PDB file of N, CA and C in Angstrom:
ATOM      1  N   MET A   1      64.608  72.874-111.311  1.00  0.00           N
ATOM      2  CA  MET A   1      64.500  73.252-109.919  1.00  0.00           C
ATOM      3  C   MET A   1      64.961  74.698-109.756  1.00  0.00           C
ATOM      4  N   ILE A   2      64.293  75.399-108.844  1.00  0.00           N
ATOM      5  CA  ILE A   2      64.697  76.765-108.527  1.00  0.00           C
ATOM      6  C   ILE A   2      64.970  76.878-107.027  1.00  0.00           C
ATOM      7  N   HIS A   3      65.771  77.852-106.679  1.00  0.00           N
ATOM      8  CA  HIS A   3      66.105  78.143-105.291  1.00  0.00           C
ATOM      9  C   HIS A   3      65.485  79.487-104.938  1.00  0.00           C
ATOM     10  N   VAL A   4      65.117  79.627-103.678  1.00  0.00           N
ATOM     11  CA  VAL A   4      64.526  80.872-103.204  1.00  0.00           C
ATOM     12  C   VAL A   4      65.188  81.252-101.884  1.00  0.00           C
ATOM     13  N   ILE A   5      65.520  82.521-101.778  1.00  0.00           N
ATOM     14  CA  ILE A   5      65.956  83.105-100.522  1.00  0.00           C
ATOM     15  C   ILE A   5      64.944  84.208-100.207  1.00  0.00           C
ATOM     16  N   ALA A   6      64.208  84.033 -99.129  1.00  0.00           N
ATOM     17  CA  ALA A   6      63.225  85.034 -98.713  1.00  0.00           C
ATOM     18  C   ALA A   6      63.735  85.689 -97.433  1.00  0.00           C
ATOM     19  N   ILE A   7      63.872  87.007 -97.483  1.00  0.00           N
ATOM     20  CA  ILE A   7      64.406  87.770 -96.354  1.00  0.00           C
ATOM     21  C   ILE A   7      63.257  88.529 -95.692  1.00  0.00           C
ATOM     22  N   ILE A   8      63.069  88.256 -94.415  1.00  0.00           N
ATOM     23  CA  ILE A   8      61.986  88.866 -93.665  1.00  0.00           C
ATOM     24  C   ILE A   8      62.594  89.551 -92.448  1.00  0.00           C
ATOM     25  N   LYS A   9      62.342  90.836 -92.304  1.00  0.00           N
ATOM     26  CA  LYS A   9      62.845  91.561 -91.141  1.00  0.00           C
ATOM     27  C   LYS A   9      61.668  92.158 -90.387  1.00  0.00           C
ATOM     28  N   ALA A  10      61.558  91.747 -89.135  1.00  0.00           N
ATOM     29  CA  ALA A  10      60.481  92.235 -88.275  1.00  0.00           C
ATOM     30  C   ALA A  10      60.821  93.606 -87.711  1.00  0.00           C
ATOM     31  N   LYS A  11      59.801  94.394 -87.460  1.00  0.00           N
ATOM     32  CA  LYS A  11      60.012  95.602 -86.669  1.00  0.00           C
ATOM     33  C   LYS A  11      60.419  95.137 -85.273  1.00  0.00           C
ATOM     34  N   LYS A  12      61.346  95.839 -84.666  1.00  0.00           N
ATOM     35  CA  LYS A  12      61.955  95.413 -83.396  1.00  0.00           C
ATOM     36  C   LYS A  12      60.926  95.038 -82.323  1.00  0.00           C
ATOM     37  N   GLU A  13      59.840  95.793 -82.256  1.00  0.00           N
ATOM     38  CA  GLU A  13      58.840  95.534 -81.226  1.00  0.00           C
ATOM     39  C   GLU A  13      57.906  94.368 -81.565  1.00  0.00           C
ATOM     40  N   HIS A  14      58.094  93.755 -82.738  1.00  0.00           N
ATOM     41  CA  HIS A  14      57.204  92.673 -83.179  1.00  0.00           C
ATOM     42  C   HIS A  14      57.951  91.382 -83.526  1.00  0.00           C
ATOM     43  N   ILE A  15      59.164  91.218 -83.036  1.00  0.00           N
ATOM     44  CA  ILE A  15      59.979  90.057 -83.403  1.00  0.00           C
ATOM     45  C   ILE A  15      59.271  88.742 -83.089  1.00  0.00           C
ATOM     46  N   GLU A  16      58.782  88.589 -81.888  1.00  0.00           N
ATOM     47  CA  GLU A  16      58.161  87.307 -81.495  1.00  0.00           C
ATOM     48  C   GLU A  16      56.866  87.045 -82.266  1.00  0.00           C
ATOM     49  N   GLU A  17      56.122  88.082 -82.539  1.00  0.00           N
ATOM     50  CA  GLU A  17      54.884  87.941 -83.308  1.00  0.00           C
ATOM     51  C   GLU A  17      55.182  87.485 -84.740  1.00  0.00           C
ATOM     52  N   VAL A  18      56.179  88.090 -85.362  1.00  0.00           N
ATOM     53  CA  VAL A  18      56.571  87.693 -86.719  1.00  0.00           C
ATOM     54  C   VAL A  18      57.092  86.262 -86.719  1.00  0.00           C
ATOM     55  N   LYS A  19      57.926  85.942 -85.757  1.00  0.00           N
ATOM     56  CA  LYS A  19      58.463  84.581 -85.664  1.00  0.00           C
ATOM     57  C   LYS A  19      57.334  83.556 -85.548  1.00  0.00           C
ATOM     58  N   SER A  20      56.363  83.846 -84.730  1.00  0.00           N
ATOM     59  CA  SER A  20      55.214  82.958 -84.568  1.00  0.00           C
ATOM     60  C   SER A  20      54.462  82.769 -85.886  1.00  0.00           C
ATOM     61  N   GLU A  21      54.250  83.847 -86.601  1.00  0.00           N
ATOM     62  CA  GLU A  21      53.553  83.769 -87.898  1.00  0.00           C
ATOM     63  C   GLU A  21      54.383  82.991 -88.920  1.00  0.00           C
ATOM     64  N   LEU A  22      55.695  83.180 -88.919  1.00  0.00           N
ATOM     65  CA  LEU A  22      56.565  82.441 -89.836  1.00  0.00           C
ATOM     66  C   LEU A  22      56.512  80.944 -89.548  1.00  0.00           C
ATOM     67  N   LEU A  23      56.532  80.585 -88.280  1.00  0.00           N
ATOM     68  CA  LEU A  23      56.500  79.171 -87.918  1.00  0.00           C
ATOM     69  C   LEU A  23      55.210  78.490 -88.367  1.00  0.00           C
ATOM     70  N   LYS A  24      54.123  79.247 -88.454  1.00  0.00           N
ATOM     71  CA  LYS A  24      52.842  78.693 -88.927  1.00  0.00           C
ATOM     72  C   LYS A  24      52.903  78.264 -90.394  1.00  0.00           C
ATOM     73  N   LEU A  25      53.861  78.793 -91.146  1.00  0.00           N
ATOM     74  CA  LEU A  25      53.984  78.460 -92.573  1.00  0.00           C
ATOM     75  C   LEU A  25      54.638  77.096 -92.812  1.00  0.00           C
ATOM     76  N   ILE A  26      55.433  76.623 -91.872  1.00  0.00           N
ATOM     77  CA  ILE A  26      56.281  75.449 -92.099  1.00  0.00           C
ATOM     78  C   ILE A  26      55.479  74.198 -92.415  1.00  0.00           C
ATOM     79  N   LYS A  27      54.620  73.784 -91.509  1.00  0.00           N
ATOM     80  CA  LYS A  27      53.909  72.510 -91.671  1.00  0.00           C
ATOM     81  C   LYS A  27      53.055  72.459 -92.943  1.00  0.00           C
ATOM     82  N   PRO A  28      52.173  73.435 -93.175  1.00  0.00           N
ATOM     83  CA  PRO A  28      51.355  73.321 -94.391  1.00  0.00           C
ATOM     84  C   PRO A  28      52.174  73.384 -95.675  1.00  0.00           C
ATOM     85  N   THR A  29      53.242  74.163 -95.665  1.00  0.00           N
ATOM     86  CA  THR A  29      54.069  74.249 -96.869  1.00  0.00           C
ATOM     87  C   THR A  29      54.759  72.926 -97.133  1.00  0.00           C
ATOM     88  N   ARG A  30      55.408  72.379 -96.135  1.00  0.00           N
ATOM     89  CA  ARG A  30      56.139  71.118 -96.307  1.00  0.00           C
ATOM     90  C   ARG A  30      55.213  69.943 -96.607  1.00  0.00           C
ATOM     91  N   GLU A  31      54.028  69.946 -96.006  1.00  0.00           N
ATOM     92  CA  GLU A  31      53.150  68.787 -96.124  1.00  0.00           C
ATOM     93  C   GLU A  31      52.170  68.845 -97.279  1.00  0.00           C
ATOM     94  N   THR A  32      51.779  70.048 -97.707  1.00  0.00           N
ATOM     95  CA  THR A  32      50.714  70.110 -98.707  1.00  0.00           C
ATOM     96  C   THR A  32      51.047  70.880 -99.976  1.00  0.00           C
ATOM     97  N   ASP A  33      52.078  71.716 -99.957  1.00  0.00           N
ATOM     98  CA  ASP A  33      52.366  72.513-101.153  1.00  0.00           C
ATOM     99  C   ASP A  33      53.168  71.695-102.160  1.00  0.00           C
ATOM    100  N   GLU A  34      52.527  71.433-103.273  1.00  0.00           N
ATOM    101  CA  GLU A  34      53.144  70.640-104.338  1.00  0.00           C
ATOM    102  C   GLU A  34      54.435  71.296-104.820  1.00  0.00           C
ATOM    103  N   GLY A  35      55.456  70.469-105.003  1.00  0.00           N
ATOM    104  CA  GLY A  35      56.710  70.955-105.562  1.00  0.00           C
ATOM    105  C   GLY A  35      57.718  71.450-104.543  1.00  0.00           C
ATOM    106  N   CYS A  36      57.364  71.439-103.263  1.00  0.00           N
ATOM    107  CA  CYS A  36      58.278  71.903-102.222  1.00  0.00           C
ATOM    108  C   CYS A  36      59.311  70.818-101.945  1.00  0.00           C
ATOM    109  N   ILE A  37      60.571  71.145-102.173  1.00  0.00           N
ATOM    110  CA  ILE A  37      61.679  70.228-101.915  1.00  0.00           C
ATOM    111  C   ILE A  37      62.349  70.577-100.590  1.00  0.00           C
ATOM    112  N   GLN A  38      62.511  71.853-100.338  1.00  0.00           N
ATOM    113  CA  GLN A  38      63.156  72.332 -99.107  1.00  0.00           C
ATOM    114  C   GLN A  38      62.479  73.620 -98.690  1.00  0.00           C
ATOM    115  N   TYR A  39      62.222  73.750 -97.392  1.00  0.00           N
ATOM    116  CA  TYR A  39      61.578  74.958 -96.864  1.00  0.00           C
ATOM    117  C   TYR A  39      62.076  75.143 -95.436  1.00  0.00           C
ATOM    118  N   ASP A  40      63.226  75.778 -95.292  1.00  0.00           N
ATOM    119  CA  ASP A  40      63.892  75.915 -94.005  1.00  0.00           C
ATOM    120  C   ASP A  40      63.881  77.369 -93.553  1.00  0.00           C
ATOM    121  N   LEU A  41      63.443  77.572 -92.325  1.00  0.00           N
ATOM    122  CA  LEU A  41      63.425  78.898 -91.738  1.00  0.00           C
ATOM    123  C   LEU A  41      64.642  79.055 -90.841  1.00  0.00           C
ATOM    124  N   THR A  42      65.373  80.149 -91.039  1.00  0.00           N
ATOM    125  CA  THR A  42      66.538  80.447 -90.213  1.00  0.00           C
ATOM    126  C   THR A  42      66.367  81.835 -89.584  1.00  0.00           C
ATOM    127  N   GLU A  43      67.124  82.048 -88.517  1.00  0.00           N
ATOM    128  CA  GLU A  43      67.119  83.336 -87.836  1.00  0.00           C
ATOM    129  C   GLU A  43      68.564  83.787 -87.698  1.00  0.00           C
ATOM    130  N   SER A  44      68.827  85.030 -87.943  1.00  0.00           N
ATOM    131  CA  SER A  44      70.176  85.567 -87.840  1.00  0.00           C
ATOM    132  C   SER A  44      70.704  85.448 -86.412  1.00  0.00           C
ATOM    133  N   SER A  45      71.944  85.010 -86.295  1.00  0.00           N
ATOM    134  CA  SER A  45      72.597  84.943 -84.989  1.00  0.00           C
ATOM    135  C   SER A  45      72.955  86.336 -84.475  1.00  0.00           C
ATOM    136  N   ASP A  46      73.055  87.297 -85.383  1.00  0.00           N
ATOM    137  CA  ASP A  46      73.444  88.659 -85.025  1.00  0.00           C
ATOM    138  C   ASP A  46      72.269  89.619 -84.862  1.00  0.00           C
ATOM    139  N   ASP A  47      71.144  89.288 -85.485  1.00  0.00           N
ATOM    140  CA  ASP A  47      69.996  90.186 -85.477  1.00  0.00           C
ATOM    141  C   ASP A  47      68.722  89.359 -85.305  1.00  0.00           C
ATOM    142  N   PRO A  48      68.149  89.323 -84.106  1.00  0.00           N
ATOM    143  CA  PRO A  48      66.967  88.486 -83.867  1.00  0.00           C
ATOM    144  C   PRO A  48      65.735  88.913 -84.658  1.00  0.00           C
ATOM    145  N   ALA A  49      65.769  90.070 -85.290  1.00  0.00           N
ATOM    146  CA  ALA A  49      64.636  90.528 -86.106  1.00  0.00           C
ATOM    147  C   ALA A  49      64.716  90.024 -87.538  1.00  0.00           C
ATOM    148  N   LEU A  50      65.847  89.401 -87.903  1.00  0.00           N
ATOM    149  CA  LEU A  50      66.077  88.985 -89.292  1.00  0.00           C
ATOM    150  C   LEU A  50      65.875  87.482 -89.443  1.00  0.00           C
ATOM    151  N   PHE A  51      64.934  87.120 -90.321  1.00  0.00           N
ATOM    152  CA  PHE A  51      64.620  85.728 -90.619  1.00  0.00           C
ATOM    153  C   PHE A  51      64.853  85.492 -92.104  1.00  0.00           C
ATOM    154  N   ILE A  52      65.329  84.298 -92.434  1.00  0.00           N
ATOM    155  CA  ILE A  52      65.575  83.969 -93.836  1.00  0.00           C
ATOM    156  C   ILE A  52      65.058  82.561 -94.112  1.00  0.00           C
ATOM    157  N   PHE A  53      64.194  82.459 -95.122  1.00  0.00           N
ATOM    158  CA  PHE A  53      63.774  81.162 -95.628  1.00  0.00           C
ATOM    159  C   PHE A  53      64.752  80.737 -96.714  1.00  0.00           C
ATOM    160  N   ILE A  54      65.185  79.502 -96.649  1.00  0.00           N
ATOM    161  CA  ILE A  54      65.996  78.893 -97.694  1.00  0.00           C
ATOM    162  C   ILE A  54      65.120  77.803 -98.297  1.00  0.00           C
ATOM    163  N   GLU A  55      64.804  77.961 -99.579  1.00  0.00           N
ATOM    164  CA  GLU A  55      63.803  77.101-100.202  1.00  0.00           C
ATOM    165  C   GLU A  55      64.314  76.518-101.516  1.00  0.00           C
ATOM    166  N   ARG A  56      63.769  75.360-101.859  1.00  0.00           N
ATOM    167  CA  ARG A  56      63.950  74.778-103.188  1.00  0.00           C
ATOM    168  C   ARG A  56      62.587  74.282-103.654  1.00  0.00           C
ATOM    169  N   TRP A  57      62.288  74.579-104.912  1.00  0.00           N
ATOM    170  CA  TRP A  57      61.004  74.226-105.514  1.00  0.00           C
ATOM    171  C   TRP A  57      61.248  73.530-106.848  1.00  0.00           C
ATOM    172  N   GLU A  58      60.337  72.655-107.213  1.00  0.00           N
ATOM    173  CA  GLU A  58      60.461  71.939-108.483  1.00  0.00           C
ATOM    174  C   GLU A  58      60.385  72.879-109.679  1.00  0.00           C
ATOM    175  N   SER A  59      59.589  73.948-109.558  1.00  0.00           N
ATOM    176  CA  SER A  59      59.441  74.878-110.681  1.00  0.00           C
ATOM    177  C   SER A  59      58.942  76.234-110.188  1.00  0.00           C
ATOM    178  N   LYS A  60      59.104  77.232-111.027  1.00  0.00           N
ATOM    179  CA  LYS A  60      58.598  78.580-110.729  1.00  0.00           C
ATOM    180  C   LYS A  60      57.076  78.564-110.639  1.00  0.00           C
ATOM    181  N   GLU A  61      56.437  77.759-111.451  1.00  0.00           N
ATOM    182  CA  GLU A  61      54.975  77.666-111.441  1.00  0.00           C
ATOM    183  C   GLU A  61      54.470  77.148-110.090  1.00  0.00           C
ATOM    184  N   LEU A  62      55.165  76.150-109.533  1.00  0.00           N
ATOM    185  CA  LEU A  62      54.746  75.606-108.243  1.00  0.00           C
ATOM    186  C   LEU A  62      55.075  76.568-107.106  1.00  0.00           C
ATOM    187  N   LEU A  63      56.138  77.334-107.229  1.00  0.00           N
ATOM    188  CA  LEU A  63      56.417  78.389-106.259  1.00  0.00           C
ATOM    189  C   LEU A  63      55.303  79.433-106.296  1.00  0.00           C
ATOM    190  N   ASP A  64      54.896  79.824-107.486  1.00  0.00           N
ATOM    191  CA  ASP A  64      53.815  80.795-107.620  1.00  0.00           C
ATOM    192  C   ASP A  64      52.523  80.268-107.002  1.00  0.00           C
ATOM    193  N   LYS A  65      52.274  78.984-107.175  1.00  0.00           N
ATOM    194  CA  LYS A  65      51.086  78.368-106.579  1.00  0.00           C
ATOM    195  C   LYS A  65      51.181  78.435-105.052  1.00  0.00           C
ATOM    196  N   HIS A  66      52.356  78.175-104.509  1.00  0.00           N
ATOM    197  CA  HIS A  66      52.583  78.285-103.059  1.00  0.00           C
ATOM    198  C   HIS A  66      52.232  79.689-102.576  1.00  0.00           C
ATOM    199  N   ALA A  67      52.665  80.692-103.306  1.00  0.00           N
ATOM    200  CA  ALA A  67      52.429  82.078-102.897  1.00  0.00           C
ATOM    201  C   ALA A  67      50.947  82.427-102.832  1.00  0.00           C
ATOM    202  N   SER A  68      50.119  81.683-103.543  1.00  0.00           N
ATOM    203  CA  SER A  68      48.682  81.964-103.545  1.00  0.00           C
ATOM    204  C   SER A  68      47.902  81.121-102.532  1.00  0.00           C
ATOM    205  N   GLN A  69      48.594  80.245-101.810  1.00  0.00           N
ATOM    206  CA  GLN A  69      47.921  79.381-100.841  1.00  0.00           C
ATOM    207  C   GLN A  69      47.412  80.194 -99.652  1.00  0.00           C
ATOM    208  N   LYS A  70      46.357  79.690 -99.016  1.00  0.00           N
ATOM    209  CA  LYS A  70      45.734  80.385 -97.891  1.00  0.00           C
ATOM    210  C   LYS A  70      46.730  80.654 -96.762  1.00  0.00           C
ATOM    211  N   HIS A  71      47.569  79.682 -96.431  1.00  0.00           N
ATOM    212  CA  HIS A  71      48.491  79.896 -95.312  1.00  0.00           C
ATOM    213  C   HIS A  71      49.490  81.020 -95.605  1.00  0.00           C
ATOM    214  N   VAL A  72      49.886  81.181 -96.846  1.00  0.00           N
ATOM    215  CA  VAL A  72      50.794  82.273 -97.210  1.00  0.00           C
ATOM    216  C   VAL A  72      50.037  83.605 -97.192  1.00  0.00           C
ATOM    217  N   GLN A  73      48.849  83.614 -97.725  1.00  0.00           N
ATOM    218  CA  GLN A  73      48.048  84.839 -97.720  1.00  0.00           C
ATOM    219  C   GLN A  73      47.695  85.268 -96.295  1.00  0.00           C
ATOM    220  N   ASP A  74      47.442  84.289 -95.426  1.00  0.00           N
ATOM    221  CA  ASP A  74      47.184  84.610 -94.012  1.00  0.00           C
ATOM    222  C   ASP A  74      48.410  85.259 -93.377  1.00  0.00           C
ATOM    223  N   PHE A  75      49.605  84.752 -93.696  1.00  0.00           N
ATOM    224  CA  PHE A  75      50.843  85.343 -93.180  1.00  0.00           C
ATOM    225  C   PHE A  75      50.992  86.786 -93.654  1.00  0.00           C
ATOM    226  N   VAL A  76      50.776  87.012 -94.928  1.00  0.00           N
ATOM    227  CA  VAL A  76      50.911  88.357 -95.489  1.00  0.00           C
ATOM    228  C   VAL A  76      49.959  89.320 -94.775  1.00  0.00           C
ATOM    229  N   LYS A  77      48.730  88.898 -94.591  1.00  0.00           N
ATOM    230  CA  LYS A  77      47.746  89.763 -93.927  1.00  0.00           C
ATOM    231  C   LYS A  77      48.125  90.022 -92.469  1.00  0.00           C
ATOM    232  N   ALA A  78      48.577  88.984 -91.765  1.00  0.00           N
ATOM    233  CA  ALA A  78      48.898  89.107 -90.341  1.00  0.00           C
ATOM    234  C   ALA A  78      50.129  89.965 -90.080  1.00  0.00           C
ATOM    235  N   THR A  79      51.009  90.083 -91.074  1.00  0.00           N
ATOM    236  CA  THR A  79      52.284  90.774 -90.843  1.00  0.00           C
ATOM    237  C   THR A  79      52.453  92.064 -91.644  1.00  0.00           C
ATOM    238  N   GLU A  80      51.455  92.486 -92.367  1.00  0.00           N
ATOM    239  CA  GLU A  80      51.628  93.623 -93.268  1.00  0.00           C
ATOM    240  C   GLU A  80      52.043  94.910 -92.563  1.00  0.00           C
ATOM    241  N   GLU A  81      51.697  95.077 -91.300  1.00  0.00           N
ATOM    242  CA  GLU A  81      52.037  96.305 -90.575  1.00  0.00           C
ATOM    243  C   GLU A  81      53.228  96.129 -89.632  1.00  0.00           C
ATOM    244  N   ILE A  82      53.783  94.920 -89.530  1.00  0.00           N
ATOM    245  CA  ILE A  82      54.809  94.680 -88.507  1.00  0.00           C
ATOM    246  C   ILE A  82      56.157  94.243 -89.091  1.00  0.00           C
ATOM    247  N   LEU A  83      56.306  94.349 -90.414  1.00  0.00           N
ATOM    248  CA  LEU A  83      57.564  94.012 -91.056  1.00  0.00           C
ATOM    249  C   LEU A  83      58.294  95.270 -91.508  1.00  0.00           C
ATOM    250  N   ASP A  84      59.613  95.234 -91.391  1.00  0.00           N
ATOM    251  CA  ASP A  84      60.445  96.282 -91.981  1.00  0.00           C
ATOM    252  C   ASP A  84      60.862  95.912 -93.398  1.00  0.00           C
ATOM    253  N   GLU A  85      60.945  94.611 -93.655  1.00  0.00           N
ATOM    254  CA  GLU A  85      61.414  94.155 -94.973  1.00  0.00           C
ATOM    255  C   GLU A  85      60.815  92.794 -95.283  1.00  0.00           C
ATOM    256  N   PHE A  86      60.475  92.607 -96.541  1.00  0.00           N
ATOM    257  CA  PHE A  86      60.071  91.296 -97.045  1.00  0.00           C
ATOM    258  C   PHE A  86      60.519  91.244 -98.511  1.00  0.00           C
ATOM    259  N   THR A  87      61.601  90.513 -98.744  1.00  0.00           N
ATOM    260  CA  THR A  87      62.178  90.437-100.084  1.00  0.00           C
ATOM    261  C   THR A  87      62.338  88.972-100.454  1.00  0.00           C
ATOM    262  N   VAL A  88      61.933  88.633-101.667  1.00  0.00           N
ATOM    263  CA  VAL A  88      62.068  87.261-102.163  1.00  0.00           C
ATOM    264  C   VAL A  88      62.975  87.276-103.372  1.00  0.00           C
ATOM    265  N   HIS A  89      64.023  86.456-103.316  1.00  0.00           N
ATOM    266  CA  HIS A  89      64.952  86.296-104.430  1.00  0.00           C
ATOM    267  C   HIS A  89      64.757  84.899-105.018  1.00  0.00           C
ATOM    268  N   VAL A  90      64.358  84.842-106.283  1.00  0.00           N
ATOM    269  CA  VAL A  90      64.194  83.574-106.982  1.00  0.00           C
ATOM    270  C   VAL A  90      65.450  83.360-107.811  1.00  0.00           C
ATOM    271  N   LEU A  91      66.112  82.223-107.600  1.00  0.00           N
ATOM    272  CA  LEU A  91      67.417  81.975-108.177  1.00  0.00           C
ATOM    273  C   LEU A  91      67.404  80.698-109.016  1.00  0.00           C
ATOM    274  N   THR A  92      68.126  80.734-110.105  1.00  0.00           N
ATOM    275  CA  THR A  92      68.331  79.561-110.940  1.00  0.00           C
ATOM    276  C   THR A  92      69.781  79.109-110.787  1.00  0.00           C
ATOM    277  N   GLN A  93      69.956  77.868-110.438  1.00  0.00           N
ATOM    278  CA  GLN A  93      71.311  77.348-110.248  1.00  0.00           C
ATOM    279  C   GLN A  93      72.025  77.283-111.600  1.00  0.00           C
ATOM    280  N   ILE A  94      73.253  77.772-111.645  1.00  0.00           N
ATOM    281  CA  ILE A  94      74.013  77.760-112.903  1.00  0.00           C
ATOM    282  C   ILE A  94      75.252  76.884-112.837  1.00  0.00           C
ATOM    283  N   ALA A  95      75.610  76.409-111.662  1.00  0.00           N
ATOM    284  CA  ALA A  95      76.754  75.501-111.557  1.00  0.00           C
ATOM    285  C   ALA A  95      76.638  74.668-110.309  1.00  0.00           C
TER     286      ALA A  95
END
């Protein structure tokens, strides 16, 4: 199993638009993406432009498959000009 922390920061004038696009990822990922164990979207209490996905996947291969799904590609296309940051950290649990 692998853990993922995805950090997404919207441009200030596009917070609600980014949030809407992020919410569109939840249902298809949880219901149809093989290997998804956890896929939780959070929003910073201090910065409404900062969103963080906390994820767990059965394997890196299944995470990679998720990244190629239409709903993820649609998100990337819809938000390419309205994000300040999009960083994905893939983590292996060691203890």
